[in-house]
């Protein structure tokens, strides 16, 4: 079972919007939510699911709002939470900012959306692009014509409208990989993973079927193709857009789908493999009591020489009581950001195999601080185009449409930093 009712509350627990889907939970039960939340918060036992009697409250907080679903049954909690976050996404698409004021200003639209998002407690149409076809900002106006249910709601392909036409048929494919890395103060890698996604921007006429081929190791093994470990990748934790035919993928690893129009994420994956740090950082921080702090940071690009990292930002933490900053960088520029207690070293273009040095000098007050500040890690941001850590490749993109038009697929590869941190001693 799913949700019985959904509420949007302000920070005082007052309902701004509510929708009763099943009628098996008294709407007045919501009055117990905020006192229960405050009690649990005071006790330090706050959880995403709160219970009062036989009623369960599943809730999330967004800006100055609480979004709460109630149920008496043993509901599918992951489904309910996914729906609440989807509510936030859809409302944000409509109102740009989802907060108390935007809900009050657009309550008619909110009620219409709630009626379409869920039916009898079960998620229904949650794609904002489809909703925007028939719930517009002017939807409270009377329509003298006959009511028409959009084909996207009743169609088997609910994520794509019929009758789309483009003068130039194109598909843009972005393969984006984020590197999450945590290195200890001694230089050992504590956490290393790659989180990837394949995003498409589709401008195709009609109702085409697309087939995407990757250098998937399991596919190579199924078909008996020569694909060594260096030429293929083993995808883990794969998640697809609803348009992908999962039965076809399970049978022969073919990614076959009728795409939504415009931008969407086709799939995401995760690789828990040991990744060599793409940008390696070494730092020496010397603190002279009552006098000064001297910092030396060395950054080395440990990726292919023909690749270049763009927009590199190295964030180096410094004590909160420093002053009089002086910098000398062999490449890029450095500045002191006092509100964050960091030095921000920016390098516009960082080729692979190169090594750069930053020296920073700060003054210290004459009075020593008694408390011992924790030393946050050095954080690194970067983006490397035309490069993937995993080695994933788009082998082909076939576009099949009954009119037989020709379409151009364009592929771009990007590797970027995720949560990329190196601890200092």
Protein backbone atom coordinates (compact mmCIF):
# COMPACT_ATOMS: atom_id res chain seq x y z
CA UNK A 1 0.00 0.00 0.00
CA UNK A 2 1.04 3.62 -0.40
CA UNK A 3 0.02 7.00 1.07
CA UNK A 4 -3.42 7.76 2.51
CA UNK A 5 -3.01 11.55 2.46
CA UNK A 6 -0.36 14.13 1.61
CA UNK A 7 0.22 17.44 3.43
CA UNK A 8 2.38 20.51 2.83
CA UNK A 9 3.02 22.24 6.18
CA UNK A 10 4.77 25.43 7.20
CA UNK A 11 7.46 25.36 9.89
CA UNK A 12 4.82 25.84 12.59
CA UNK A 13 3.04 22.68 11.48
CA UNK A 14 0.08 24.51 9.94
CA UNK A 15 -1.27 22.79 6.78
CA UNK A 16 -0.95 24.96 3.67
CA UNK A 17 -2.16 22.28 1.26
CA UNK A 18 -3.56 18.80 1.88
CA UNK A 19 -5.02 16.05 -0.27
CA UNK A 20 -6.94 13.09 1.11
CA UNK A 21 -6.57 10.15 -1.29
CA UNK A 22 -8.13 7.24 0.63
CA UNK A 23 -10.14 8.60 3.54
CA UNK A 24 -8.93 5.93 5.97
CA UNK A 25 -6.90 8.37 8.11
CA UNK A 26 -8.51 11.28 9.96
CA UNK A 27 -7.10 14.51 8.48
CA UNK A 28 -6.91 15.92 12.03
CA UNK A 29 -4.12 13.45 12.83
CA UNK A 30 -1.67 15.86 11.21
CA UNK A 31 -1.92 18.06 14.35
CA UNK A 32 0.18 15.46 16.18
CA UNK A 33 3.03 15.64 13.66
CA UNK A 34 4.93 18.76 14.75
CA UNK A 35 4.69 18.13 18.54
CA UNK A 36 5.95 14.58 17.91
CA UNK A 37 8.77 15.87 15.71
CA UNK A 38 9.80 18.49 18.30
CA UNK A 39 9.76 15.87 21.08
CA UNK A 40 11.90 13.44 19.11
CA UNK A 41 14.29 16.23 18.14
CA UNK A 42 14.71 17.24 21.79
CA UNK A 43 15.38 13.61 22.76
CA UNK A 44 17.86 13.18 19.91
CA UNK A 45 15.82 10.30 18.43
CA UNK A 46 14.42 12.02 15.35
CA UNK A 47 13.75 9.65 12.42
CA UNK A 48 12.25 10.07 8.91
CA UNK A 49 9.25 8.02 10.03
CA UNK A 50 7.18 9.05 13.07
CA UNK A 51 4.24 7.13 14.55
CA UNK A 52 1.29 8.33 16.63
CA UNK A 53 -1.08 5.54 17.60
CA UNK A 54 -1.84 3.61 14.42
CA UNK A 55 -0.88 6.48 12.09
CA UNK A 56 2.55 6.71 10.46
CA UNK A 57 4.01 10.05 9.29
CA UNK A 58 6.59 9.81 6.48
CA UNK A 59 8.14 13.25 6.03
CA UNK A 60 10.86 15.32 4.42
CA UNK A 61 11.82 18.99 4.87
CA UNK A 62 12.43 21.35 1.96
CA UNK A 63 13.27 25.04 2.54
CA UNK A 64 10.63 26.31 5.03
CA UNK A 65 8.18 23.48 4.36
CA UNK A 66 7.44 19.99 5.63
CA UNK A 67 6.05 17.50 3.10
CA UNK A 68 4.25 14.74 4.98
CA UNK A 69 2.48 11.56 3.87
CA UNK A 70 0.23 9.66 6.29
CA UNK A 71 -0.79 6.01 6.28
CA UNK A 72 -2.23 3.34 8.58
CA UNK A 73 -0.90 0.46 6.52
CA UNK A 74 2.52 -1.14 6.15
CA UNK A 75 3.31 1.15 3.23
CA UNK A 76 6.19 0.88 0.79
CA UNK A 77 8.34 3.53 2.49
CA UNK A 78 10.87 3.89 -0.33
CA UNK A 79 8.03 4.49 -2.80
CA UNK A 80 6.49 7.17 -0.56
CA UNK A 81 9.79 9.00 0.01
CA UNK A 82 10.59 8.87 -3.70
CA UNK A 83 7.16 10.39 -4.37
CA UNK A 84 7.73 13.21 -1.83
CA UNK A 85 11.03 14.13 -3.46
CA UNK A 86 9.34 13.95 -6.87
CA UNK A 87 6.74 16.42 -5.56
CA UNK A 88 9.56 18.82 -4.71
CA UNK A 89 11.04 18.38 -8.19
CA UNK A 90 7.73 18.97 -10.00
CA UNK A 91 6.71 21.97 -7.87
CA UNK A 92 10.18 23.50 -8.35
CA UNK A 93 9.78 23.11 -12.12
CA UNK A 94 6.53 25.07 -11.96
CA UNK A 95 7.40 27.73 -9.37
CA UNK A 96 11.23 27.90 -9.72
CA UNK A 97 11.51 28.08 -5.92
CA UNK A 98 9.43 25.81 -3.70
CA UNK A 99 8.75 27.59 -0.44
CA UNK A 100 5.79 28.73 1.66
CA UNK A 101 5.13 31.87 -0.39
CA UNK A 102 5.15 30.06 -3.75
CA UNK A 103 2.68 27.47 -2.41
CA UNK A 104 0.31 30.20 -1.14
CA UNK A 105 0.53 32.06 -4.47
CA UNK A 106 -0.20 28.96 -6.57
CA UNK A 107 -2.55 26.82 -4.49
CA UNK A 108 -4.90 26.15 -7.45
CA UNK A 109 -2.03 24.76 -9.54
CA UNK A 110 -0.76 22.77 -6.53
CA UNK A 111 -4.14 21.06 -6.07
CA UNK A 112 -4.33 20.23 -9.78
CA UNK A 113 -0.82 18.77 -9.66
CA UNK A 114 -1.62 16.69 -6.56
CA UNK A 115 -4.64 15.23 -8.37
CA UNK A 116 -2.44 14.15 -11.30
CA UNK A 117 0.66 13.10 -9.34
CA UNK A 118 -1.20 10.53 -7.24
CA UNK A 119 -4.37 8.48 -7.61
CA UNK A 120 -5.90 6.65 -4.62
CA UNK A 121 -2.56 6.86 -2.84
CA UNK A 122 -0.44 5.51 -5.68
CA UNK A 123 1.95 7.64 -7.80
CA UNK A 124 0.55 8.25 -11.27
CA UNK A 125 1.95 10.87 -13.71
CA UNK A 126 5.13 12.29 -12.17
CA UNK A 127 6.97 13.53 -15.28
CA UNK A 128 6.97 17.34 -15.18
CA UNK A 129 7.27 17.62 -18.98
CA UNK A 130 4.07 15.63 -19.46
CA UNK A 131 2.25 17.50 -16.68
CA UNK A 132 3.14 20.84 -18.27
CA UNK A 133 1.28 19.81 -21.44
CA UNK A 134 -2.11 20.08 -19.74
CA UNK A 135 -1.56 21.83 -16.40
CA UNK A 136 -0.36 25.33 -17.22
CA UNK A 137 -0.22 28.52 -15.18
CA UNK A 138 -3.54 29.51 -16.82
CA UNK A 139 -5.23 26.20 -16.08
CA UNK A 140 -7.73 27.73 -13.62
CA UNK A 141 -9.41 29.53 -16.53
CA UNK A 142 -12.60 28.03 -17.95
CA UNK A 143 -12.21 26.08 -21.17
CA UNK A 144 -15.29 26.28 -23.39
CA UNK A 145 -14.10 23.43 -25.56
CA UNK A 146 -14.53 19.76 -24.79
CA UNK A 147 -12.12 18.26 -22.28
CA UNK A 148 -9.33 16.20 -23.79
CA UNK A 149 -7.13 13.72 -21.99
CA UNK A 150 -3.57 14.10 -23.33
CA UNK A 151 -2.36 11.07 -25.27
CA UNK A 152 0.74 11.00 -23.10
CA UNK A 153 -1.40 9.93 -20.12
CA UNK A 154 -3.23 7.09 -21.86
CA UNK A 155 -0.50 6.14 -24.31
CA UNK A 156 1.77 3.20 -23.56
CA UNK A 157 4.69 5.59 -24.07
CA UNK A 158 3.58 8.09 -21.44
CA UNK A 159 6.89 9.99 -21.41
CA UNK A 160 6.74 11.11 -25.05
CA UNK A 161 4.17 13.12 -27.00
CA UNK A 162 3.07 12.10 -30.47
CA UNK A 163 3.42 14.27 -33.55
CA UNK A 164 6.85 15.75 -32.80
CA UNK A 165 8.62 17.17 -35.85
CA UNK A 166 12.15 18.56 -36.29
CA UNK A 167 13.85 19.93 -39.39
CA UNK A 168 17.17 18.53 -38.20
CA UNK A 169 17.09 15.23 -36.28
CA UNK A 170 19.89 14.99 -33.72
CA UNK A 171 20.82 13.16 -30.51
CA UNK A 172 23.44 14.52 -28.11
CA UNK A 173 24.95 11.99 -25.69
CA UNK A 174 26.93 13.08 -22.62
CA UNK A 175 28.85 10.43 -20.67
CA UNK A 176 29.68 12.09 -17.35
CA UNK A 177 31.73 10.44 -14.61
CA UNK A 178 32.27 11.91 -11.15
CA UNK A 179 35.23 10.72 -9.06
CA UNK A 180 34.71 10.44 -5.30
CA UNK A 181 38.00 10.17 -3.43
CA UNK A 182 39.19 10.35 0.17
CA UNK A 183 42.92 10.16 0.91
CA UNK A 184 44.31 9.88 4.44
CA UNK A 185 47.01 12.16 5.86
CA UNK A 186 49.55 9.36 5.28
CA UNK A 187 48.70 9.20 1.58
CA UNK A 188 46.65 6.00 1.52
CA UNK A 189 43.36 5.94 -0.41
CA UNK A 190 40.46 5.37 2.03
CA UNK A 191 37.58 5.73 -0.45
CA UNK A 192 37.60 5.52 -4.21
CA UNK A 193 34.59 5.22 -6.51
CA UNK A 194 33.27 6.41 -9.85
CA UNK A 195 29.64 7.52 -10.23
CA UNK A 196 28.62 7.78 -13.86
CA UNK A 197 25.59 8.88 -15.84
CA UNK A 198 24.63 8.91 -19.49
CA UNK A 199 22.49 11.94 -20.34
CA UNK A 200 20.72 12.52 -23.63
CA UNK A 201 19.33 15.56 -25.40
CA UNK A 202 16.95 14.30 -28.06
CA UNK A 203 15.59 16.24 -31.04
CA UNK A 204 13.92 13.51 -33.11
CA UNK A 205 10.70 13.44 -35.11
CA UNK A 206 7.99 10.85 -34.65
CA UNK A 207 8.24 7.89 -32.26
CA UNK A 208 11.74 6.52 -32.90
CA UNK A 209 13.30 3.50 -31.22
CA UNK A 210 16.90 3.97 -30.12
CA UNK A 211 19.47 1.26 -29.40
CA UNK A 212 22.60 2.16 -27.51
CA UNK A 213 25.68 -0.07 -27.48
CA UNK A 214 28.41 0.21 -24.84
CA UNK A 215 31.68 -1.67 -24.35
CA UNK A 216 29.90 -3.78 -21.71
CA UNK A 217 32.03 -6.71 -20.51
CA UNK A 218 29.02 -8.96 -19.91
CA UNK A 219 27.76 -8.26 -23.45
CA UNK A 220 31.16 -9.18 -24.87
CA UNK A 221 31.11 -12.43 -22.91
CA UNK A 222 27.55 -13.27 -24.04
CA UNK A 223 28.36 -12.73 -27.71
CA UNK A 224 31.83 -14.23 -27.58
CA UNK A 225 33.44 -11.06 -28.87
CA UNK A 226 37.11 -10.39 -28.12
CA UNK A 227 36.95 -7.76 -25.41
CA UNK A 228 39.77 -7.82 -22.93
CA UNK A 229 39.66 -6.16 -19.56
CA UNK A 230 41.25 -3.03 -21.02
CA UNK A 231 38.62 -2.70 -23.76
CA UNK A 232 35.46 -3.36 -21.75
CA UNK A 233 33.94 -2.22 -18.47
CA UNK A 234 31.83 -4.08 -15.93
CA UNK A 235 28.91 -1.84 -14.99
CA UNK A 236 27.63 -2.05 -11.40
CA UNK A 237 24.57 -0.66 -9.64
CA UNK A 238 22.94 0.29 -12.95
CA UNK A 239 19.72 2.34 -12.86
CA UNK A 240 17.71 3.15 -16.00
CA UNK A 241 15.11 5.71 -17.04
CA UNK A 242 11.62 4.24 -17.25
CA UNK A 243 11.78 4.30 -21.06
CA UNK A 244 14.37 1.49 -21.21
CA UNK A 245 13.04 -2.01 -21.95
CA UNK A 246 14.44 -3.87 -18.95
CA UNK A 247 13.45 -7.32 -20.23
CA UNK A 248 15.50 -6.73 -23.38
CA UNK A 249 18.50 -5.57 -21.34
CA UNK A 250 18.27 -8.59 -19.02
CA UNK A 251 18.08 -10.93 -22.00
CA UNK A 252 20.91 -9.66 -24.22
CA UNK A 253 22.25 -6.45 -22.57
CA UNK A 254 20.77 -4.28 -25.34
CA UNK A 255 19.73 -0.80 -24.19
CA UNK A 256 16.58 -0.29 -26.26
CA UNK A 257 14.13 2.58 -25.68
CA UNK A 258 11.72 5.17 -27.08
CA UNK A 259 13.21 8.40 -25.70
CA UNK A 260 11.48 11.37 -24.06
CA UNK A 261 11.78 14.63 -25.97
CA UNK A 262 14.58 16.96 -24.86
CA UNK A 263 16.87 16.41 -21.86
CA UNK A 264 16.81 13.32 -19.66
CA UNK A 265 19.14 10.92 -17.86
CA UNK A 266 19.10 7.56 -19.62
CA UNK A 267 21.08 5.62 -17.03
CA UNK A 268 23.41 5.88 -14.07
CA UNK A 269 26.01 3.47 -12.74
CA UNK A 270 28.64 3.10 -10.04
CA UNK A 271 32.09 1.51 -10.10
CA UNK A 272 33.63 0.67 -6.73
CA UNK A 273 37.11 0.28 -8.18
CA UNK A 274 40.45 1.60 -7.03
CA UNK A 275 41.01 4.83 -8.94
CA UNK A 276 44.40 6.47 -9.15
CA UNK A 277 43.96 10.06 -7.89
CA UNK A 278 43.73 12.22 -11.01
CA UNK A 279 45.09 15.29 -9.24
CA UNK A 280 47.47 14.46 -6.40
CA UNK A 281 48.03 16.99 -3.63
CA UNK A 282 50.93 17.20 -1.19
CA UNK A 283 50.94 19.89 1.48
CA UNK A 284 53.21 21.13 4.24
CA UNK A 285 51.77 23.49 6.84
CA UNK A 286 54.15 25.08 9.34
CA UNK A 287 52.71 27.13 12.19
CA UNK A 288 55.11 29.39 14.08
CA UNK A 289 53.62 30.35 17.47
CA UNK A 290 52.62 34.02 17.89
CA UNK A 291 54.12 34.77 14.49
CA UNK A 292 53.08 33.27 11.17
CA UNK A 293 51.81 30.30 9.17
CA UNK A 294 53.55 29.08 6.04
CA UNK A 295 51.81 26.72 3.64
CA UNK A 296 53.26 24.87 0.67
CA UNK A 297 50.93 22.95 -1.65
CA UNK A 298 52.09 20.84 -4.60
CA UNK A 299 49.55 19.66 -7.19
CA UNK A 300 50.33 17.04 -9.84
CA UNK A 301 48.16 15.89 -12.73
CA UNK A 302 48.22 12.08 -12.76
CA UNK A 303 46.17 11.58 -15.92
CA UNK A 304 47.11 11.25 -19.60
CA UNK A 305 49.39 13.97 -20.94
CA UNK A 306 47.12 14.61 -23.92
CA UNK A 307 44.21 15.46 -21.56
CA UNK A 308 43.66 18.79 -19.81
CA UNK A 309 41.74 19.49 -16.60
CA UNK A 310 39.71 22.70 -16.80
CA UNK A 311 38.56 25.00 -14.01
CA UNK A 312 40.72 23.41 -11.32
CA UNK A 313 40.03 24.79 -7.82
CA UNK A 314 42.09 23.62 -4.84
CA UNK A 315 40.63 24.66 -1.48
CA UNK A 316 43.22 24.71 1.31
CA UNK A 317 41.97 25.25 4.89
CA UNK A 318 43.80 27.77 7.11
CA UNK A 319 43.42 28.75 10.80
CA UNK A 320 40.53 31.13 11.47
CA UNK A 321 42.72 33.84 13.10
CA UNK A 322 45.26 34.42 10.29
CA UNK A 323 45.81 37.76 8.54
CA UNK A 324 48.11 39.51 6.05
CA UNK A 325 48.01 36.87 3.28
CA UNK A 326 50.80 36.63 0.71
CA UNK A 327 50.87 34.15 -2.18
CA UNK A 328 53.26 32.87 -4.82
CA UNK A 329 51.91 30.36 -7.36
CA UNK A 330 53.81 28.77 -10.26
CA UNK A 331 50.51 28.59 -12.16
CA UNK A 332 47.08 30.19 -11.74
CA UNK A 333 46.06 32.56 -8.97
CA UNK A 334 45.34 32.27 -5.25
CA UNK A 335 43.15 34.28 -2.93
CA UNK A 336 42.21 34.21 0.74
CA UNK A 337 38.49 33.67 1.50
CA UNK A 338 38.15 34.73 5.15
CA UNK A 339 34.45 33.85 5.54
CA UNK A 340 35.32 30.21 4.74
CA UNK A 341 38.80 30.18 6.34
CA UNK A 342 40.38 28.82 3.16
CA UNK A 343 42.84 29.66 0.42
CA UNK A 344 41.34 29.15 -3.04
CA UNK A 345 43.95 28.23 -5.65
CA UNK A 346 42.48 28.44 -9.18
CA UNK A 347 44.16 26.98 -12.27
CA UNK A 348 42.25 27.54 -15.49
CA UNK A 349 44.04 24.83 -17.50
CA UNK A 350 45.97 21.92 -15.92
CA UNK A 351 47.58 19.50 -18.45
CA UNK A 352 48.21 15.89 -17.48
CA UNK A 353 51.68 15.13 -16.12
CA UNK A 354 52.29 18.72 -15.04
CA UNK A 355 53.20 19.77 -11.50
CA UNK A 356 52.54 23.17 -9.92
CA UNK A 357 53.44 24.76 -6.60
CA UNK A 358 51.73 27.26 -4.31
CA UNK A 359 53.37 29.02 -1.38
CA UNK A 360 51.24 30.99 1.07
CA UNK A 361 52.31 33.13 4.03
CA UNK A 362 49.98 34.39 6.79
CA UNK A 363 50.48 36.40 9.93
CA UNK A 364 49.17 35.23 13.32
CA UNK A 365 47.96 37.33 16.27
CA UNK A 366 50.30 37.66 19.24
CA UNK A 367 47.76 35.98 21.55
CA UNK A 368 47.63 32.21 21.12
CA UNK A 369 44.20 30.64 20.74
CA UNK A 370 43.53 28.05 23.43
CA UNK A 371 41.11 25.81 21.54
CA UNK A 372 42.51 23.28 19.13
CA UNK A 373 40.81 23.66 15.76
CA UNK A 374 40.19 20.59 13.67
CA UNK A 375 41.93 20.67 10.31
CA UNK A 376 39.50 20.10 7.42
CA UNK A 377 40.76 18.25 4.34
CA UNK A 378 41.94 19.86 1.13
CA UNK A 379 39.17 19.74 -1.48
CA UNK A 380 39.70 19.69 -5.24
CA UNK A 381 37.33 20.54 -8.09
CA UNK A 382 38.05 19.90 -11.77
CA UNK A 383 36.60 18.83 -15.10
CA UNK A 384 38.43 16.81 -17.77
CA UNK A 385 36.69 16.70 -21.19
CA UNK A 386 37.11 13.86 -23.72
CA UNK A 387 38.12 11.45 -20.94
CA UNK A 388 36.51 8.79 -18.72
CA UNK A 389 38.10 7.08 -15.74
CA UNK A 390 36.30 3.77 -16.27
CA UNK A 391 37.04 3.59 -19.99
CA UNK A 392 33.35 3.33 -20.92
CA UNK A 393 32.63 3.99 -24.59
CA UNK A 394 29.55 4.43 -26.75
CA UNK A 395 30.10 1.84 -29.50
CA UNK A 396 27.01 2.72 -31.49
CA UNK A 397 23.65 4.50 -31.43
CA UNK A 398 21.03 3.11 -33.82
CA UNK A 399 17.94 5.22 -34.53
CA UNK A 400 14.98 3.36 -36.04
CA UNK A 401 11.91 5.32 -37.19
CA UNK A 402 9.24 4.25 -39.67
CA UNK A 403 9.80 7.26 -41.96
CA UNK A 404 13.44 6.22 -42.30
CA UNK A 405 15.03 9.66 -41.76
CA UNK A 406 18.73 10.05 -41.08
CA UNK A 407 19.80 11.36 -37.67
CA UNK A 408 23.13 12.43 -36.25
CA UNK A 409 24.29 11.20 -32.82
CA UNK A 410 26.94 13.32 -31.07
CA UNK A 411 28.93 11.89 -28.13
CA UNK A 412 30.85 13.82 -25.47
CA UNK A 413 32.85 12.39 -22.54
CA UNK A 414 33.48 14.33 -19.32
CA UNK A 415 35.21 13.37 -16.07
CA UNK A 416 34.69 15.67 -13.10
CA UNK A 417 35.36 15.77 -9.38
CA UNK A 418 32.70 14.57 -7.01
CA UNK A 419 33.48 14.49 -3.31
CA UNK A 420 37.26 14.73 -3.78
CA UNK A 421 39.18 15.31 -0.55
CA UNK A 422 42.72 14.81 0.74
CA UNK A 423 43.38 14.99 4.48
CA UNK A 424 46.36 16.90 5.83
CA UNK A 425 48.58 15.92 8.74
